[in-house]
Amino acid sequence: MIRLASLVVSCSMLLAIAGCGSYYKITEPASKNVYYSKDFEKTKMGGAVI
């Protein structure tokens, strides 16, 4: 029973860590729309290009 509980906790933590990484939250200043992207480029004016 303890092995099963350990396995469930380990799998849950692995999925949580894998799902939370490597995305950037980008908010458009004018409309406050929120976008998520894996990469972006900064522009010379301080904005971002997805």
Protein backbone atom coordinates (compact mmCIF):
# COMPACT_ATOMS: atom_id res chain seq x y z
CA MET A 1 0.00 0.00 0.00
CA ILE A 2 2.86 2.39 0.81
CA ARG A 3 4.55 1.60 -2.53
CA LEU A 4 1.36 2.46 -4.40
CA ALA A 5 1.02 5.76 -2.53
CA SER A 6 4.67 6.61 -3.27
CA LEU A 7 4.18 5.82 -6.93
CA VAL A 8 1.08 8.01 -7.18
CA VAL A 9 2.82 10.93 -5.45
CA SER A 10 5.93 10.57 -7.63
CA CYS A 11 3.90 10.48 -10.86
CA SER A 12 1.84 13.49 -9.77
CA MET A 13 4.95 15.52 -9.00
CA LEU A 14 6.54 14.55 -12.32
CA LEU A 15 3.47 15.66 -14.27
CA ALA A 16 3.26 18.92 -12.32
CA ILE A 17 6.92 19.75 -13.00
CA ALA A 18 6.68 18.83 -16.70
CA GLY A 19 3.54 20.92 -17.22
CA CYS A 20 4.77 24.10 -15.54
CA GLY A 21 7.99 24.76 -17.38
CA SER A 22 9.20 26.44 -20.54
CA TYR A 23 6.29 28.76 -21.34
CA TYR A 24 6.43 32.55 -21.32
CA LYS A 25 3.42 34.64 -20.34
CA ILE A 26 3.17 37.66 -22.64
CA THR A 27 0.65 40.42 -21.90
CA GLU A 28 -0.30 42.89 -24.62
CA PRO A 29 -0.18 46.32 -22.93
CA ALA A 30 -2.94 48.03 -24.93
CA SER A 31 -5.67 45.40 -24.59
CA LYS A 32 -4.31 43.42 -21.62
CA ASN A 33 -4.73 40.17 -23.61
CA VAL A 34 -2.57 37.34 -22.27
CA TYR A 35 -0.71 34.94 -24.55
CA TYR A 36 1.49 31.96 -23.73
CA SER A 37 4.41 31.05 -25.96
CA LYS A 38 7.43 28.76 -25.92
CA ASP A 39 9.69 31.48 -27.33
CA PHE A 40 9.69 35.17 -28.21
CA GLU A 41 11.93 37.88 -29.62
CA LYS A 42 12.40 41.29 -28.03
CA THR A 43 12.17 44.28 -30.33
CA LYS A 44 14.26 47.45 -30.14
CA MET A 45 11.27 49.36 -28.74
CA GLY A 46 10.87 46.94 -25.82
CA GLY A 47 7.99 44.89 -27.25
CA ALA A 48 7.88 41.20 -28.05
CA VAL A 49 7.23 39.23 -31.22
CA ILE A 50 5.72 35.79 -30.77
